mmCIF file of all heavy atoms, coordinates in Angstrom:
data_MODEL
# 
_entry.id   MODEL 
# 
loop_
_atom_site.group_PDB 
_atom_site.id 
_atom_site.type_symbol 
_atom_site.label_atom_id 
_atom_site.label_alt_id 
_atom_site.label_comp_id 
_atom_site.label_asym_id 
_atom_site.label_entity_id 
_atom_site.label_seq_id 
_atom_site.pdbx_PDB_ins_code 
_atom_site.Cartn_x 
_atom_site.Cartn_y 
_atom_site.Cartn_z 
_atom_site.occupancy 
_atom_site.B_iso_or_equiv 
_atom_site.pdbx_formal_charge 
_atom_site.auth_seq_id 
_atom_site.auth_comp_id 
_atom_site.auth_asym_id 
_atom_site.auth_atom_id 
_atom_site.pdbx_PDB_model_num 
ATOM 1   N N   . ARG A 1 1  ? 12.841 128.822 161.604 1.00 0.00 ? 1  ARG A N   1 
ATOM 2   C CA  . ARG A 1 1  ? 13.340 128.930 162.971 1.00 0.00 ? 1  ARG A CA  1 
ATOM 3   C C   . ARG A 1 1  ? 13.418 127.584 163.683 1.00 0.00 ? 1  ARG A C   1 
ATOM 4   O O   . ARG A 1 1  ? 14.340 127.350 164.469 1.00 0.00 ? 1  ARG A O   1 
ATOM 5   C CB  . ARG A 1 1  ? 12.449 129.869 163.788 1.00 0.00 ? 1  ARG A CB  1 
ATOM 6   C CG  . ARG A 1 1  ? 12.392 131.286 163.233 1.00 0.00 ? 1  ARG A CG  1 
ATOM 7   C CD  . ARG A 1 1  ? 11.666 132.228 164.185 1.00 0.00 ? 1  ARG A CD  1 
ATOM 8   N NE  . ARG A 1 1  ? 10.278 131.816 164.411 1.00 0.00 ? 1  ARG A NE  1 
ATOM 9   C CZ  . ARG A 1 1  ? 9.789  131.469 165.595 1.00 0.00 ? 1  ARG A CZ  1 
ATOM 10  N NH1 . ARG A 1 1  ? 10.565 131.483 166.676 1.00 0.00 ? 1  ARG A NH1 1 
ATOM 11  N NH2 . ARG A 1 1  ? 8.510  131.115 165.719 1.00 0.00 ? 1  ARG A NH2 1 
ATOM 12  N N   . PHE A 1 2  ? 12.455 126.709 163.422 1.00 0.00 ? 2  PHE A N   1 
ATOM 13  C CA  . PHE A 1 2  ? 12.412 125.400 164.072 1.00 0.00 ? 2  PHE A CA  1 
ATOM 14  C C   . PHE A 1 2  ? 12.776 124.312 163.069 1.00 0.00 ? 2  PHE A C   1 
ATOM 15  O O   . PHE A 1 2  ? 12.433 124.402 161.884 1.00 0.00 ? 2  PHE A O   1 
ATOM 16  C CB  . PHE A 1 2  ? 11.016 125.102 164.612 1.00 0.00 ? 2  PHE A CB  1 
ATOM 17  C CG  . PHE A 1 2  ? 10.587 125.939 165.778 1.00 0.00 ? 2  PHE A CG  1 
ATOM 18  C CD1 . PHE A 1 2  ? 11.313 127.048 166.194 1.00 0.00 ? 2  PHE A CD1 1 
ATOM 19  C CD2 . PHE A 1 2  ? 9.434  125.609 166.473 1.00 0.00 ? 2  PHE A CD2 1 
ATOM 20  C CE1 . PHE A 1 2  ? 10.907 127.821 167.271 1.00 0.00 ? 2  PHE A CE1 1 
ATOM 21  C CE2 . PHE A 1 2  ? 9.011  126.372 167.554 1.00 0.00 ? 2  PHE A CE2 1 
ATOM 22  C CZ  . PHE A 1 2  ? 9.751  127.475 167.953 1.00 0.00 ? 2  PHE A CZ  1 
ATOM 23  N N   . THR A 1 3  ? 13.426 123.282 163.551 1.00 0.00 ? 3  THR A N   1 
ATOM 24  C CA  . THR A 1 3  ? 13.774 122.143 162.722 1.00 0.00 ? 3  THR A CA  1 
ATOM 25  C C   . THR A 1 3  ? 13.444 120.853 163.453 1.00 0.00 ? 3  THR A C   1 
ATOM 26  O O   . THR A 1 3  ? 13.921 120.632 164.570 1.00 0.00 ? 3  THR A O   1 
ATOM 27  C CB  . THR A 1 3  ? 15.266 122.142 162.355 1.00 0.00 ? 3  THR A CB  1 
ATOM 28  O OG1 . THR A 1 3  ? 15.602 123.350 161.674 1.00 0.00 ? 3  THR A OG1 1 
ATOM 29  C CG2 . THR A 1 3  ? 15.591 120.964 161.443 1.00 0.00 ? 3  THR A CG2 1 
ATOM 30  N N   . ILE A 1 4  ? 12.639 120.019 162.827 1.00 0.00 ? 4  ILE A N   1 
ATOM 31  C CA  . ILE A 1 4  ? 12.331 118.716 163.389 1.00 0.00 ? 4  ILE A CA  1 
ATOM 32  C C   . ILE A 1 4  ? 13.268 117.682 162.774 1.00 0.00 ? 4  ILE A C   1 
ATOM 33  O O   . ILE A 1 4  ? 13.592 117.751 161.587 1.00 0.00 ? 4  ILE A O   1 
ATOM 34  C CB  . ILE A 1 4  ? 10.854 118.334 163.154 1.00 0.00 ? 4  ILE A CB  1 
ATOM 35  C CG1 . ILE A 1 4  ? 10.503 117.048 163.908 1.00 0.00 ? 4  ILE A CG1 1 
ATOM 36  C CG2 . ILE A 1 4  ? 10.537 118.217 161.675 1.00 0.00 ? 4  ILE A CG2 1 
ATOM 37  C CD1 . ILE A 1 4  ? 9.011  116.725 163.906 1.00 0.00 ? 4  ILE A CD1 1 
ATOM 38  N N   . SER A 1 5  ? 13.700 116.747 163.575 1.00 0.00 ? 5  SER A N   1 
ATOM 39  C CA  . SER A 1 5  ? 14.567 115.680 163.096 1.00 0.00 ? 5  SER A CA  1 
ATOM 40  C C   . SER A 1 5  ? 14.325 114.438 163.934 1.00 0.00 ? 5  SER A C   1 
ATOM 41  O O   . SER A 1 5  ? 13.653 114.492 164.973 1.00 0.00 ? 5  SER A O   1 
ATOM 42  C CB  . SER A 1 5  ? 16.041 116.098 163.146 1.00 0.00 ? 5  SER A CB  1 
ATOM 43  O OG  . SER A 1 5  ? 16.454 116.366 164.476 1.00 0.00 ? 5  SER A OG  1 
ATOM 44  N N   . ARG A 1 6  ? 14.858 113.321 163.479 1.00 0.00 ? 6  ARG A N   1 
ATOM 45  C CA  . ARG A 1 6  ? 14.703 112.097 164.247 1.00 0.00 ? 6  ARG A CA  1 
ATOM 46  C C   . ARG A 1 6  ? 15.936 111.235 164.106 1.00 0.00 ? 6  ARG A C   1 
ATOM 47  O O   . ARG A 1 6  ? 16.647 111.281 163.096 1.00 0.00 ? 6  ARG A O   1 
ATOM 48  C CB  . ARG A 1 6  ? 13.448 111.326 163.822 1.00 0.00 ? 6  ARG A CB  1 
ATOM 49  C CG  . ARG A 1 6  ? 13.495 110.720 162.423 1.00 0.00 ? 6  ARG A CG  1 
ATOM 50  C CD  . ARG A 1 6  ? 12.122 110.202 162.001 1.00 0.00 ? 6  ARG A CD  1 
ATOM 51  N NE  . ARG A 1 6  ? 11.643 109.138 162.879 1.00 0.00 ? 6  ARG A NE  1 
ATOM 52  C CZ  . ARG A 1 6  ? 10.376 108.756 162.984 1.00 0.00 ? 6  ARG A CZ  1 
ATOM 53  N NH1 . ARG A 1 6  ? 9.447  109.373 162.254 1.00 0.00 ? 6  ARG A NH1 1 
ATOM 54  N NH2 . ARG A 1 6  ? 10.031 107.780 163.815 1.00 0.00 ? 6  ARG A NH2 1 
ATOM 55  N N   . ASP A 1 7  ? 16.166 110.449 165.119 1.00 0.00 ? 7  ASP A N   1 
ATOM 56  C CA  . ASP A 1 7  ? 17.235 109.471 165.127 1.00 0.00 ? 7  ASP A CA  1 
ATOM 57  C C   . ASP A 1 7  ? 16.592 108.144 165.491 1.00 0.00 ? 7  ASP A C   1 
ATOM 58  O O   . ASP A 1 7  ? 16.347 107.856 166.664 1.00 0.00 ? 7  ASP A O   1 
ATOM 59  C CB  . ASP A 1 7  ? 18.318 109.856 166.128 1.00 0.00 ? 7  ASP A CB  1 
ATOM 60  C CG  . ASP A 1 7  ? 19.527 108.948 166.073 1.00 0.00 ? 7  ASP A CG  1 
ATOM 61  O OD1 . ASP A 1 7  ? 19.419 107.824 165.553 1.00 0.00 ? 7  ASP A OD1 1 
ATOM 62  O OD2 . ASP A 1 7  ? 20.599 109.361 166.557 1.00 0.00 ? 7  ASP A OD2 1 
ATOM 63  N N   . ASN A 1 8  ? 16.291 107.345 164.479 1.00 0.00 ? 8  ASN A N   1 
ATOM 64  C CA  . ASN A 1 8  ? 15.573 106.103 164.718 1.00 0.00 ? 8  ASN A CA  1 
ATOM 65  C C   . ASN A 1 8  ? 16.379 105.103 165.537 1.00 0.00 ? 8  ASN A C   1 
ATOM 66  O O   . ASN A 1 8  ? 15.810 104.264 166.244 1.00 0.00 ? 8  ASN A O   1 
ATOM 67  C CB  . ASN A 1 8  ? 15.145 105.478 163.391 1.00 0.00 ? 8  ASN A CB  1 
ATOM 68  C CG  . ASN A 1 8  ? 13.993 106.216 162.752 1.00 0.00 ? 8  ASN A CG  1 
ATOM 69  O OD1 . ASN A 1 8  ? 13.306 107.006 163.397 1.00 0.00 ? 8  ASN A OD1 1 
ATOM 70  N ND2 . ASN A 1 8  ? 13.768 105.964 161.468 1.00 0.00 ? 8  ASN A ND2 1 
ATOM 71  N N   . ALA A 1 9  ? 17.681 105.181 165.441 1.00 0.00 ? 9  ALA A N   1 
ATOM 72  C CA  . ALA A 1 9  ? 18.524 104.297 166.239 1.00 0.00 ? 9  ALA A CA  1 
ATOM 73  C C   . ALA A 1 9  ? 18.378 104.574 167.727 1.00 0.00 ? 9  ALA A C   1 
ATOM 74  O O   . ALA A 1 9  ? 18.599 103.691 168.554 1.00 0.00 ? 9  ALA A O   1 
ATOM 75  C CB  . ALA A 1 9  ? 19.982 104.430 165.816 1.00 0.00 ? 9  ALA A CB  1 
ATOM 76  N N   . LYS A 1 10 ? 18.010 105.808 168.065 1.00 0.00 ? 10 LYS A N   1 
ATOM 77  C CA  . LYS A 1 10 ? 17.826 106.202 169.451 1.00 0.00 ? 10 LYS A CA  1 
ATOM 78  C C   . LYS A 1 10 ? 16.365 106.345 169.845 1.00 0.00 ? 10 LYS A C   1 
ATOM 79  O O   . LYS A 1 10 ? 16.067 106.753 170.972 1.00 0.00 ? 10 LYS A O   1 
ATOM 80  C CB  . LYS A 1 10 ? 18.555 107.520 169.723 1.00 0.00 ? 10 LYS A CB  1 
ATOM 81  C CG  . LYS A 1 10 ? 20.058 107.451 169.539 1.00 0.00 ? 10 LYS A CG  1 
ATOM 82  C CD  . LYS A 1 10 ? 20.711 108.792 169.830 1.00 0.00 ? 10 LYS A CD  1 
ATOM 83  C CE  . LYS A 1 10 ? 22.212 108.718 169.680 1.00 0.00 ? 10 LYS A CE  1 
ATOM 84  N NZ  . LYS A 1 10 ? 22.865 110.024 169.946 1.00 0.00 ? 10 LYS A NZ  1 
ATOM 85  N N   . ASN A 1 11 ? 15.453 106.035 168.929 1.00 0.00 ? 11 ASN A N   1 
ATOM 86  C CA  . ASN A 1 11 ? 14.019 106.178 169.173 1.00 0.00 ? 11 ASN A CA  1 
ATOM 87  C C   . ASN A 1 11 ? 13.673 107.585 169.653 1.00 0.00 ? 11 ASN A C   1 
ATOM 88  O O   . ASN A 1 11 ? 12.838 107.774 170.548 1.00 0.00 ? 11 ASN A O   1 
ATOM 89  C CB  . ASN A 1 11 ? 13.533 105.149 170.193 1.00 0.00 ? 11 ASN A CB  1 
ATOM 90  C CG  . ASN A 1 11 ? 13.442 103.752 169.620 1.00 0.00 ? 11 ASN A CG  1 
ATOM 91  O OD1 . ASN A 1 11 ? 13.814 103.498 168.485 1.00 0.00 ? 11 ASN A OD1 1 
ATOM 92  N ND2 . ASN A 1 11 ? 12.938 102.824 170.424 1.00 0.00 ? 11 ASN A ND2 1 
ATOM 93  N N   . THR A 1 12 ? 14.290 108.565 169.043 1.00 0.00 ? 12 THR A N   1 
ATOM 94  C CA  . THR A 1 12 ? 14.173 109.933 169.530 1.00 0.00 ? 12 THR A CA  1 
ATOM 95  C C   . THR A 1 12 ? 13.821 110.899 168.408 1.00 0.00 ? 12 THR A C   1 
ATOM 96  O O   . THR A 1 12 ? 14.358 110.801 167.304 1.00 0.00 ? 12 THR A O   1 
ATOM 97  C CB  . THR A 1 12 ? 15.480 110.381 170.198 1.00 0.00 ? 12 THR A CB  1 
ATOM 98  O OG1 . THR A 1 12 ? 15.794 109.481 171.267 1.00 0.00 ? 12 THR A OG1 1 
ATOM 99  C CG2 . THR A 1 12 ? 15.355 111.786 170.759 1.00 0.00 ? 12 THR A CG2 1 
ATOM 100 N N   . VAL A 1 13 ? 12.928 111.824 168.720 1.00 0.00 ? 13 VAL A N   1 
ATOM 101 C CA  . VAL A 1 13 ? 12.574 112.926 167.844 1.00 0.00 ? 13 VAL A CA  1 
ATOM 102 C C   . VAL A 1 13 ? 13.018 114.218 168.515 1.00 0.00 ? 13 VAL A C   1 
ATOM 103 O O   . VAL A 1 13 ? 12.874 114.368 169.735 1.00 0.00 ? 13 VAL A O   1 
ATOM 104 C CB  . VAL A 1 13 ? 11.064 112.969 167.559 1.00 0.00 ? 13 VAL A CB  1 
ATOM 105 C CG1 . VAL A 1 13 ? 10.703 114.189 166.719 1.00 0.00 ? 13 VAL A CG1 1 
ATOM 106 C CG2 . VAL A 1 13 ? 10.633 111.697 166.851 1.00 0.00 ? 13 VAL A CG2 1 
ATOM 107 N N   . TYR A 1 14 ? 13.533 115.137 167.723 1.00 0.00 ? 14 TYR A N   1 
ATOM 108 C CA  . TYR A 1 14 ? 14.032 116.393 168.244 1.00 0.00 ? 14 TYR A CA  1 
ATOM 109 C C   . TYR A 1 14 ? 13.280 117.565 167.628 1.00 0.00 ? 14 TYR A C   1 
ATOM 110 O O   . TYR A 1 14 ? 12.767 117.493 166.513 1.00 0.00 ? 14 TYR A O   1 
ATOM 111 C CB  . TYR A 1 14 ? 15.520 116.566 167.930 1.00 0.00 ? 14 TYR A CB  1 
ATOM 112 C CG  . TYR A 1 14 ? 16.393 115.449 168.425 1.00 0.00 ? 14 TYR A CG  1 
ATOM 113 C CD1 . TYR A 1 14 ? 16.762 114.402 167.586 1.00 0.00 ? 14 TYR A CD1 1 
ATOM 114 C CD2 . TYR A 1 14 ? 16.861 115.437 169.736 1.00 0.00 ? 14 TYR A CD2 1 
ATOM 115 C CE1 . TYR A 1 14 ? 17.567 113.375 168.034 1.00 0.00 ? 14 TYR A CE1 1 
ATOM 116 C CE2 . TYR A 1 14 ? 17.665 114.412 170.195 1.00 0.00 ? 14 TYR A CE2 1 
ATOM 117 C CZ  . TYR A 1 14 ? 18.023 113.385 169.338 1.00 0.00 ? 14 TYR A CZ  1 
ATOM 118 O OH  . TYR A 1 14 ? 18.826 112.370 169.796 1.00 0.00 ? 14 TYR A OH  1 
ATOM 119 N N   . LEU A 1 15 ? 13.238 118.640 168.369 1.00 0.00 ? 15 LEU A N   1 
ATOM 120 C CA  . LEU A 1 15 ? 12.761 119.908 167.836 1.00 0.00 ? 15 LEU A CA  1 
ATOM 121 C C   . LEU A 1 15 ? 13.771 120.971 168.227 1.00 0.00 ? 15 LEU A C   1 
ATOM 122 O O   . LEU A 1 15 ? 13.841 121.379 169.390 1.00 0.00 ? 15 LEU A O   1 
ATOM 123 C CB  . LEU A 1 15 ? 11.370 120.264 168.363 1.00 0.00 ? 15 LEU A CB  1 
ATOM 124 C CG  . LEU A 1 15 ? 10.748 121.523 167.762 1.00 0.00 ? 15 LEU A CG  1 
ATOM 125 C CD1 . LEU A 1 15 ? 10.423 121.302 166.279 1.00 0.00 ? 15 LEU A CD1 1 
ATOM 126 C CD2 . LEU A 1 15 ? 9.495  121.939 168.518 1.00 0.00 ? 15 LEU A CD2 1 
ATOM 127 N N   . GLN A 1 16 ? 14.566 121.385 167.258 1.00 0.00 ? 16 GLN A N   1 
ATOM 128 C CA  . GLN A 1 16 ? 15.517 122.460 167.475 1.00 0.00 ? 16 GLN A CA  1 
ATOM 129 C C   . GLN A 1 16 ? 14.806 123.787 167.264 1.00 0.00 ? 16 GLN A C   1 
ATOM 130 O O   . GLN A 1 16 ? 14.268 124.038 166.185 1.00 0.00 ? 16 GLN A O   1 
ATOM 131 C CB  . GLN A 1 16 ? 16.698 122.332 166.515 1.00 0.00 ? 16 GLN A CB  1 
ATOM 132 C CG  . GLN A 1 16 ? 17.730 123.446 166.646 1.00 0.00 ? 16 GLN A CG  1 
ATOM 133 C CD  . GLN A 1 16 ? 18.447 123.413 167.972 1.00 0.00 ? 16 GLN A CD  1 
ATOM 134 O OE1 . GLN A 1 16 ? 18.909 122.355 168.407 1.00 0.00 ? 16 GLN A OE1 1 
ATOM 135 N NE2 . GLN A 1 16 ? 18.542 124.556 168.632 1.00 0.00 ? 16 GLN A NE2 1 
ATOM 136 N N   . MET A 1 17 ? 14.798 124.620 168.273 1.00 0.00 ? 17 MET A N   1 
ATOM 137 C CA  . MET A 1 17 ? 14.092 125.886 168.231 1.00 0.00 ? 17 MET A CA  1 
ATOM 138 C C   . MET A 1 17 ? 15.102 127.019 168.350 1.00 0.00 ? 17 MET A C   1 
ATOM 139 O O   . MET A 1 17 ? 15.783 127.152 169.363 1.00 0.00 ? 17 MET A O   1 
ATOM 140 C CB  . MET A 1 17 ? 13.059 125.975 169.351 1.00 0.00 ? 17 MET A CB  1 
ATOM 141 C CG  . MET A 1 17 ? 12.068 124.821 169.363 1.00 0.00 ? 17 MET A CG  1 
ATOM 142 S SD  . MET A 1 17 ? 10.770 125.018 170.611 1.00 0.00 ? 17 MET A SD  1 
ATOM 143 C CE  . MET A 1 17 ? 11.761 124.929 172.107 1.00 0.00 ? 17 MET A CE  1 
ATOM 144 N N   . ASN A 1 18 ? 15.188 127.817 167.307 1.00 0.00 ? 18 ASN A N   1 
ATOM 145 C CA  . ASN A 1 18 ? 16.091 128.960 167.274 1.00 0.00 ? 18 ASN A CA  1 
ATOM 146 C C   . ASN A 1 18 ? 15.293 130.250 167.129 1.00 0.00 ? 18 ASN A C   1 
ATOM 147 O O   . ASN A 1 18 ? 14.128 130.242 166.746 1.00 0.00 ? 18 ASN A O   1 
ATOM 148 C CB  . ASN A 1 18 ? 17.075 128.832 166.111 1.00 0.00 ? 18 ASN A CB  1 
ATOM 149 C CG  . ASN A 1 18 ? 17.963 127.623 166.210 1.00 0.00 ? 18 ASN A CG  1 
ATOM 150 O OD1 . ASN A 1 18 ? 18.370 127.212 167.302 1.00 0.00 ? 18 ASN A OD1 1 
ATOM 151 N ND2 . ASN A 1 18 ? 18.293 127.038 165.058 1.00 0.00 ? 18 ASN A ND2 1 
ATOM 152 N N   . SER A 1 19 ? 15.952 131.359 167.418 1.00 0.00 ? 19 SER A N   1 
ATOM 153 C CA  . SER A 1 19 ? 15.327 132.682 167.290 1.00 0.00 ? 19 SER A CA  1 
ATOM 154 C C   . SER A 1 19 ? 13.970 132.724 167.972 1.00 0.00 ? 19 SER A C   1 
ATOM 155 O O   . SER A 1 19 ? 12.979 133.186 167.405 1.00 0.00 ? 19 SER A O   1 
ATOM 156 C CB  . SER A 1 19 ? 15.201 133.066 165.814 1.00 0.00 ? 19 SER A CB  1 
ATOM 157 O OG  . SER A 1 19 ? 16.460 133.078 165.178 1.00 0.00 ? 19 SER A OG  1 
ATOM 158 N N   . LEU A 1 20 ? 13.927 132.261 169.188 1.00 0.00 ? 20 LEU A N   1 
ATOM 159 C CA  . LEU A 1 20 ? 12.661 132.135 169.896 1.00 0.00 ? 20 LEU A CA  1 
ATOM 160 C C   . LEU A 1 20 ? 12.014 133.491 170.156 1.00 0.00 ? 20 LEU A C   1 
ATOM 161 O O   . LEU A 1 20 ? 12.693 134.483 170.431 1.00 0.00 ? 20 LEU A O   1 
ATOM 162 C CB  . LEU A 1 20 ? 12.869 131.393 171.202 1.00 0.00 ? 20 LEU A CB  1 
ATOM 163 C CG  . LEU A 1 20 ? 13.034 129.881 171.046 1.00 0.00 ? 20 LEU A CG  1 
ATOM 164 C CD1 . LEU A 1 20 ? 13.658 129.274 172.292 1.00 0.00 ? 20 LEU A CD1 1 
ATOM 165 C CD2 . LEU A 1 20 ? 11.682 129.237 170.758 1.00 0.00 ? 20 LEU A CD2 1 
ATOM 166 N N   . LYS A 1 21 ? 10.697 133.485 170.064 1.00 0.00 ? 21 LYS A N   1 
ATOM 167 C CA  . LYS A 1 21 ? 9.884  134.666 170.290 1.00 0.00 ? 21 LYS A CA  1 
ATOM 168 C C   . LYS A 1 21 ? 8.984  134.448 171.495 1.00 0.00 ? 21 LYS A C   1 
ATOM 169 O O   . LYS A 1 21 ? 8.712  133.314 171.882 1.00 0.00 ? 21 LYS A O   1 
ATOM 170 C CB  . LYS A 1 21 ? 9.021  134.963 169.056 1.00 0.00 ? 21 LYS A CB  1 
ATOM 171 C CG  . LYS A 1 21 ? 9.792  135.107 167.757 1.00 0.00 ? 21 LYS A CG  1 
ATOM 172 C CD  . LYS A 1 21 ? 8.834  135.265 166.586 1.00 0.00 ? 21 LYS A CD  1 
ATOM 173 C CE  . LYS A 1 21 ? 9.582  135.398 165.275 1.00 0.00 ? 21 LYS A CE  1 
ATOM 174 N NZ  . LYS A 1 21 ? 8.648  135.527 164.127 1.00 0.00 ? 21 LYS A NZ  1 
ATOM 175 N N   . VAL A 1 22 ? 8.496  135.537 172.055 1.00 0.00 ? 22 VAL A N   1 
ATOM 176 C CA  . VAL A 1 22 ? 7.591  135.441 173.188 1.00 0.00 ? 22 VAL A CA  1 
ATOM 177 C C   . VAL A 1 22 ? 6.372  134.596 172.829 1.00 0.00 ? 22 VAL A C   1 
ATOM 178 O O   . VAL A 1 22 ? 5.888  133.802 173.649 1.00 0.00 ? 22 VAL A O   1 
ATOM 179 C CB  . VAL A 1 22 ? 7.158  136.838 173.668 1.00 0.00 ? 22 VAL A CB  1 
ATOM 180 C CG1 . VAL A 1 22 ? 6.056  136.737 174.718 1.00 0.00 ? 22 VAL A CG1 1 
ATOM 181 C CG2 . VAL A 1 22 ? 8.349  137.595 174.234 1.00 0.00 ? 22 VAL A CG2 1 
ATOM 182 N N   . GLU A 1 23 ? 5.882  134.735 171.610 1.00 0.00 ? 23 GLU A N   1 
ATOM 183 C CA  . GLU A 1 23 ? 4.709  133.997 171.187 1.00 0.00 ? 23 GLU A CA  1 
ATOM 184 C C   . GLU A 1 23 ? 4.949  132.503 171.024 1.00 0.00 ? 23 GLU A C   1 
ATOM 185 O O   . GLU A 1 23 ? 4.012  131.740 170.787 1.00 0.00 ? 23 GLU A O   1 
ATOM 186 C CB  . GLU A 1 23 ? 4.136  134.574 169.886 1.00 0.00 ? 23 GLU A CB  1 
ATOM 187 C CG  . GLU A 1 23 ? 5.166  134.751 168.788 1.00 0.00 ? 23 GLU A CG  1 
ATOM 188 C CD  . GLU A 1 23 ? 5.706  136.166 168.714 1.00 0.00 ? 23 GLU A CD  1 
ATOM 189 O OE1 . GLU A 1 23 ? 6.020  136.740 169.776 1.00 0.00 ? 23 GLU A OE1 1 
ATOM 190 O OE2 . GLU A 1 23 ? 5.815  136.700 167.589 1.00 0.00 ? 23 GLU A OE2 1 
ATOM 191 N N   . ASP A 1 24 ? 6.196  132.061 171.144 1.00 0.00 ? 24 ASP A N   1 
ATOM 192 C CA  . ASP A 1 24 ? 6.494  130.637 171.144 1.00 0.00 ? 24 ASP A CA  1 
ATOM 193 C C   . ASP A 1 24 ? 6.241  129.999 172.508 1.00 0.00 ? 24 ASP A C   1 
ATOM 194 O O   . ASP A 1 24 ? 6.324  128.774 172.637 1.00 0.00 ? 24 ASP A O   1 
ATOM 195 C CB  . ASP A 1 24 ? 7.947  130.382 170.736 1.00 0.00 ? 24 ASP A CB  1 
ATOM 196 C CG  . ASP A 1 24 ? 8.228  130.773 169.300 1.00 0.00 ? 24 ASP A CG  1 
ATOM 197 O OD1 . ASP A 1 24 ? 7.366  130.517 168.433 1.00 0.00 ? 24 ASP A OD1 1 
ATOM 198 O OD2 . ASP A 1 24 ? 9.315  131.322 169.043 1.00 0.00 ? 24 ASP A OD2 1 
ATOM 199 N N   . THR A 1 25 ? 5.968  130.806 173.509 1.00 0.00 ? 25 THR A N   1 
ATOM 200 C CA  . THR A 1 25 ? 5.712  130.294 174.843 1.00 0.00 ? 25 THR A CA  1 
ATOM 201 C C   . THR A 1 25 ? 4.494  129.380 174.838 1.00 0.00 ? 25 THR A C   1 
ATOM 202 O O   . THR A 1 25 ? 3.405  129.781 174.426 1.00 0.00 ? 25 THR A O   1 
ATOM 203 C CB  . THR A 1 25 ? 5.496  131.442 175.831 1.00 0.00 ? 25 THR A CB  1 
ATOM 204 O OG1 . THR A 1 25 ? 6.697  132.210 175.937 1.00 0.00 ? 25 THR A OG1 1 
ATOM 205 C CG2 . THR A 1 25 ? 5.128  130.915 177.212 1.00 0.00 ? 25 THR A CG2 1 
ATOM 206 N N   . ALA A 1 26 ? 4.678  128.150 175.283 1.00 0.00 ? 26 ALA A N   1 
ATOM 207 C CA  . ALA A 1 26 ? 3.609  127.162 175.276 1.00 0.00 ? 26 ALA A CA  1 
ATOM 208 C C   . ALA A 1 26 ? 4.119  125.877 175.902 1.00 0.00 ? 26 ALA A C   1 
ATOM 209 O O   . ALA A 1 26 ? 5.317  125.724 176.156 1.00 0.00 ? 26 ALA A O   1 
ATOM 210 C CB  . ALA A 1 26 ? 3.127  126.889 173.847 1.00 0.00 ? 26 ALA A CB  1 
ATOM 211 N N   . VAL A 1 27 ? 3.196  124.962 176.137 1.00 0.00 ? 27 VAL A N   1 
ATOM 212 C CA  . VAL A 1 27 ? 3.564  123.599 176.460 1.00 0.00 ? 27 VAL A CA  1 
ATOM 213 C C   . VAL A 1 27 ? 3.710  122.852 175.143 1.00 0.00 ? 27 VAL A C   1 
ATOM 214 O O   . VAL A 1 27 ? 2.804  122.867 174.310 1.00 0.00 ? 27 VAL A O   1 
ATOM 215 C CB  . VAL A 1 27 ? 2.520  122.913 177.353 1.00 0.00 ? 27 VAL A CB  1 
ATOM 216 C CG1 . VAL A 1 27 ? 2.909  121.464 177.616 1.00 0.00 ? 27 VAL A CG1 1 
ATOM 217 C CG2 . VAL A 1 27 ? 2.384  123.668 178.673 1.00 0.00 ? 27 VAL A CG2 1 
# 
């Protein structure tokens, strides 16, 4: 459901979250 990726040229890390569930609720 989740995919982590990074773009070093942009100094950025991503977390793509799909099919979210209530139990994914968090900080």
